[in-house]
Protein backbone atom coordinates (compact mmCIF):
# COMPACT_ATOMS: atom_id res chain seq x y z
CA MET A 1 73.56 145.49 92.46
CA ARG A 2 75.20 142.34 93.84
CA ARG A 3 74.69 138.83 92.60
CA GLY A 4 74.17 135.98 94.99
CA ARG A 5 76.47 132.95 95.08
CA GLU A 6 73.88 130.82 93.28
CA VAL A 7 74.52 132.66 90.00
CA HIS A 8 78.32 132.33 90.09
CA GLN A 9 78.02 128.80 88.61
CA LEU A 10 80.70 127.42 90.93
CA ASP A 11 78.11 125.64 93.06
CA ILE A 12 76.42 123.92 90.12
CA GLY A 13 76.75 120.14 90.20
CA TYR A 14 75.53 117.19 88.18
CA PRO A 15 75.37 114.28 90.66
CA ASP A 16 72.43 112.62 88.88
CA SER A 17 74.00 112.77 85.42
CA PRO A 18 74.77 109.48 83.64
CA LEU A 19 78.28 110.96 83.27
CA ALA A 20 78.71 111.03 87.08
CA VAL A 21 79.63 107.64 88.55
CA GLU A 22 80.90 106.63 91.99
CA THR A 23 81.71 103.07 92.99
CA PRO A 24 81.29 102.51 95.79
CA GLU A 25 79.24 105.58 96.68
CA ARG A 26 81.22 107.95 98.86
CA SER A 27 80.34 110.29 101.65
CA GLY A 28 83.44 112.44 101.16
CA ARG A 29 83.50 116.13 100.49
CA LEU A 30 83.94 115.72 96.73
CA GLN A 31 81.55 113.56 94.75
CA ALA A 32 81.04 112.67 91.10
CA GLY A 33 79.15 115.48 89.40
CA ASP A 34 80.87 118.20 91.46
CA ARG A 35 83.22 120.74 89.94
CA ALA A 36 86.80 119.50 90.34
CA PRO A 37 88.74 121.72 92.75
CA ASP A 38 92.16 123.20 92.12
CA ALA A 39 95.16 122.29 94.25
CA PRO A 40 98.88 122.99 94.09
CA VAL A 41 101.06 119.90 93.67
CA ARG A 42 104.58 119.24 92.41
CA GLY A 43 105.73 117.46 89.29
CA ALA A 44 108.15 114.54 89.65
CA ALA A 45 111.08 116.91 89.00
CA GLY A 46 109.89 119.24 91.79
CA GLN A 47 108.29 121.94 89.62
CA PRO A 48 105.07 123.52 90.97
CA VAL A 49 101.91 122.48 89.10
CA ARG A 50 98.27 123.50 89.55
CA LEU A 51 95.57 120.94 88.89
CA PHE A 52 93.58 123.48 86.86
CA ASP A 53 96.55 123.64 84.47
CA LEU A 54 96.39 119.84 84.07
CA PHE A 55 92.62 119.98 83.49
CA ARG A 56 92.76 122.84 80.95
CA GLY A 57 91.94 121.76 77.39
CA THR A 58 89.58 119.50 75.52
CA HIS A 59 90.92 116.27 77.03
CA TRP A 60 89.69 114.12 79.91
CA THR A 61 92.03 113.86 82.91
CA LEU A 62 92.43 110.71 84.99
CA ILE A 63 94.33 110.69 88.29
CA VAL A 64 95.08 107.65 90.45
CA GLN A 65 95.96 108.14 94.12
CA ASP A 66 98.93 105.94 95.13
CA GLY A 67 97.91 103.22 92.70
CA PRO A 68 99.01 101.36 89.58
CA ARG A 69 98.74 103.76 86.66
CA ALA A 70 99.15 100.88 84.20
CA LEU A 71 95.64 99.54 84.97
CA VAL A 72 94.22 102.01 82.42
CA PRO A 73 95.93 102.03 79.03
CA PRO A 74 96.74 105.39 77.45
CA ARG A 75 94.57 106.61 74.58
CA PRO A 76 93.94 109.77 72.58
CA GLY A 77 91.94 112.41 74.45
CA LEU A 78 92.90 111.15 77.92
CA HIS A 79 95.71 112.47 80.13
CA ILE A 80 96.61 110.02 82.91
CA HIS A 81 98.52 111.01 86.06
CA ALA A 82 99.53 109.18 89.21
CA ILE A 83 99.81 111.13 92.42
CA GLY A 84 101.98 109.75 95.18
CA HIS A 85 105.59 108.89 95.92
CA SER A 86 106.08 106.82 92.75
CA GLY A 87 103.84 108.96 90.52
CA ASP A 88 104.42 111.91 88.23
CA LEU A 89 102.71 114.22 90.75
CA VAL A 90 103.55 114.70 94.43
CA ASP A 91 101.19 116.08 97.09
CA ASP A 92 103.76 116.71 99.83
CA GLU A 93 101.69 119.49 101.46
CA GLY A 94 98.38 117.54 101.41
CA HIS A 95 96.43 120.03 99.27
CA PHE A 96 95.28 117.37 96.79
CA GLN A 97 94.26 114.98 99.56
CA ASN A 98 92.40 117.71 101.41
CA ALA A 99 90.44 118.73 98.29
CA PHE A 100 89.78 115.28 96.78
CA ASP A 101 89.66 113.01 99.86
CA LEU A 102 90.74 109.86 97.97
CA ASN A 103 92.03 106.58 99.33
CA ALA A 104 95.06 104.74 97.96
CA GLY A 105 94.06 103.06 94.71
CA ASP A 106 91.15 105.43 93.99
CA TRP A 107 90.78 106.97 90.53
CA ILE A 108 89.18 110.30 89.68
CA LEU A 109 88.08 111.17 86.16
CA VAL A 110 87.71 114.87 85.33
CA ARG A 111 85.70 115.74 82.24
CA PRO A 112 86.85 118.44 79.79
CA ASP A 113 84.34 120.86 81.34
CA GLY A 114 86.11 120.57 84.71
CA TYR A 115 83.50 118.40 86.44
CA VAL A 116 84.20 115.07 88.12
CA GLY A 117 82.91 112.30 85.88
CA ALA A 118 83.81 109.35 88.05
CA ILE A 119 85.43 108.31 91.30
CA VAL A 120 86.18 104.60 91.45
CA THR A 121 88.47 102.16 93.21
CA SER A 122 91.08 100.07 91.40
CA ALA A 123 88.69 97.13 91.77
CA ASP A 124 86.17 99.02 89.59
CA ILE A 125 88.30 99.62 86.49
CA ALA A 126 85.56 98.06 84.30
CA THR A 127 83.17 100.78 85.51
CA LEU A 128 85.79 103.42 84.75
CA GLU A 129 86.28 101.98 81.25
CA SER A 130 82.50 102.17 80.70
CA CYS A 131 82.54 105.85 81.73
CA LEU A 132 85.38 106.54 79.32
CA ALA A 133 83.54 104.76 76.50
CA LEU A 134 80.37 106.72 77.27
CA GLY A 135 82.45 109.89 77.00
CA GLY A 136 83.82 108.78 73.61
CA ILE A 137 87.25 107.83 74.97
CA ALA A 138 87.68 104.23 73.86
CA THR A 139 90.89 102.22 73.90
CA THR A 140 92.83 102.02 70.64
CA THR A 141 91.84 98.36 70.31
CA LYS A 142 88.15 99.23 70.52
CA ILE A 143 88.56 102.04 67.98
CA GLU A 144 90.35 99.70 65.56
CA SER A 145 87.66 97.02 65.94
CA GLN A 146 84.91 99.60 65.42
CA SER A 147 86.64 100.82 62.22
CA ALA A 148 86.96 97.25 60.95
CA HIS A 149 83.28 96.63 61.70
CA ILE A 150 82.23 99.75 59.75
CA GLU A 151 84.19 98.70 56.67
């Protein structure tokens, strides 16, 4: 007995989920709510890295394409990477670009379950921050102010 592709769970997507945000809406191959694809890239020191290895774990993963990584402050539960010539990841063979189809300055947020939570431009960092807050990934300042409010 053979199973059809529809039961392999690789084609399942959540584009209508409140945890799937695109601004502006894209017509690219990959969209928010889709399963994040794997791609081979290199680390800044030249070591081979697979995206699935970066996504593995209980953390959220945020990648900016040729953009300013400092726009989103680091916080617990979020791994931030920059891909491009000045980033910590290099896509010299174009595998990342082919799979993700991002423009310079675009951000992609991958949830812990391996699905794309958001794809936004650098102009939409407020939207990205809202997605992170919805996922329980607030900045340290917000966490501290929430703790002070509870006391």
